[in-house]
Amino acid sequence: MEEFRLALWGHLDATGQRCGWTFTVVGSPWIASFRPAEPLLDLYFPGLAHYVITTEDDVVEVLADAPPRFEDLGVAPRTWAGPGA
């Protein structure tokens, strides 16, 4: 969620976490934001973690109780030939 992106980078700086291409956010403010409205979150998902997968073009954030599996498929093919093609 874009609204959390600046808060996430601030949290990482404040806690001394540095990101690589993939990392887990320790003490995630995103997960913390759900707790007041979801009182059973910790009961049903005690291992919930905030995972981040980055590329040169995108950031994918995942909340899951197990590490996500992802596969690097390389660079996307260019399918657009340009104007007038």
Protein backbone atom coordinates (compact mmCIF):
# COMPACT_ATOMS: atom_id res chain seq x y z
CA MET A 1 0.00 0.00 0.00
CA GLU A 2 1.56 3.24 -1.14
CA GLU A 3 0.34 5.12 1.94
CA PHE A 4 2.66 3.05 4.14
CA ARG A 5 5.76 3.33 1.95
CA LEU A 6 7.22 6.52 3.50
CA ALA A 7 6.35 5.29 6.97
CA LEU A 8 8.07 1.98 6.18
CA TRP A 9 11.31 3.64 5.07
CA GLY A 10 11.22 5.83 8.20
CA HIS A 11 10.68 2.76 10.40
CA LEU A 12 13.59 0.95 8.73
CA ASP A 13 15.88 3.92 9.29
CA ALA A 14 14.79 4.34 12.92
CA THR A 15 15.37 0.66 13.73
CA GLY A 16 18.64 0.31 11.83
CA GLN A 17 17.23 -2.11 9.28
CA ARG A 18 18.63 -1.95 5.79
CA CYS A 19 16.90 -3.49 2.83
CA GLY A 20 18.32 -5.67 0.11
CA TRP A 21 16.21 -7.17 -2.65
CA THR A 22 14.13 -9.14 -0.13
CA PHE A 23 13.76 -8.67 3.59
CA THR A 24 11.44 -9.03 6.57
CA VAL A 25 10.31 -5.90 8.41
CA VAL A 26 10.93 -6.35 12.13
CA GLY A 27 8.27 -4.66 14.28
CA SER A 28 6.13 -3.88 11.22
CA PRO A 29 4.01 -0.74 11.59
CA TRP A 30 1.68 -2.14 8.91
CA ILE A 31 0.85 -5.20 11.02
CA ALA A 32 0.54 -2.98 14.10
CA SER A 33 -2.04 -0.84 12.26
CA PHE A 34 -4.37 -3.87 11.96
CA ARG A 35 -4.27 -4.93 15.61
CA PRO A 36 -6.82 -2.40 17.02
CA ALA A 37 -9.49 -3.46 14.49
CA GLU A 38 -8.57 -7.15 14.37
CA PRO A 39 -8.38 -8.44 17.97
CA LEU A 40 -8.06 -12.08 16.86
CA LEU A 41 -5.16 -11.42 14.48
CA ASP A 42 -2.50 -12.63 16.92
CA LEU A 43 -4.62 -15.61 17.96
CA TYR A 44 -5.15 -16.96 14.44
CA PHE A 45 -1.92 -15.69 12.86
CA PRO A 46 0.69 -15.61 15.65
CA GLY A 47 3.55 -15.85 13.15
CA LEU A 48 2.31 -13.09 10.85
CA ALA A 49 5.26 -11.28 9.29
CA HIS A 50 5.77 -8.40 6.86
CA TYR A 51 7.89 -9.43 3.86
CA VAL A 52 9.19 -7.06 1.19
CA ILE A 53 10.35 -8.06 -2.29
CA THR A 54 11.92 -5.29 -4.35
CA THR A 55 12.98 -4.98 -7.95
CA GLU A 56 14.34 -2.05 -9.91
CA ASP A 57 10.75 -1.15 -10.87
CA ASP A 58 8.46 -2.45 -8.14
CA VAL A 59 8.01 -3.11 -4.45
CA VAL A 60 5.80 -6.02 -3.37
CA GLU A 61 4.80 -6.18 0.28
CA VAL A 62 3.30 -9.38 1.70
CA LEU A 63 1.71 -10.11 5.06
CA ALA A 64 1.87 -13.87 5.65
CA ASP A 65 2.47 -16.40 8.40
CA ALA A 66 5.08 -18.19 6.24
CA PRO A 67 7.77 -16.76 3.96
CA PRO A 68 6.49 -16.21 0.43
CA ARG A 69 7.97 -18.19 -2.44
CA PHE A 70 8.91 -16.18 -5.47
CA GLU A 71 10.75 -16.93 -8.65
CA ASP A 72 12.90 -14.53 -10.64
CA LEU A 73 11.78 -14.81 -14.25
CA GLY A 74 14.23 -12.24 -15.53
CA VAL A 75 13.47 -9.13 -17.51
CA ALA A 76 10.02 -8.88 -19.07
CA PRO A 77 10.00 -9.10 -22.86
CA ARG A 78 9.46 -5.91 -24.81
CA THR A 79 6.22 -6.27 -26.70
CA TRP A 80 5.55 -2.66 -27.64
CA ALA A 81 7.17 -1.76 -30.94
CA GLY A 82 6.62 1.97 -30.53
CA PRO A 83 4.46 4.56 -32.30
CA GLY A 84 3.42 3.72 -35.85
CA ALA A 85 4.47 0.08 -35.62
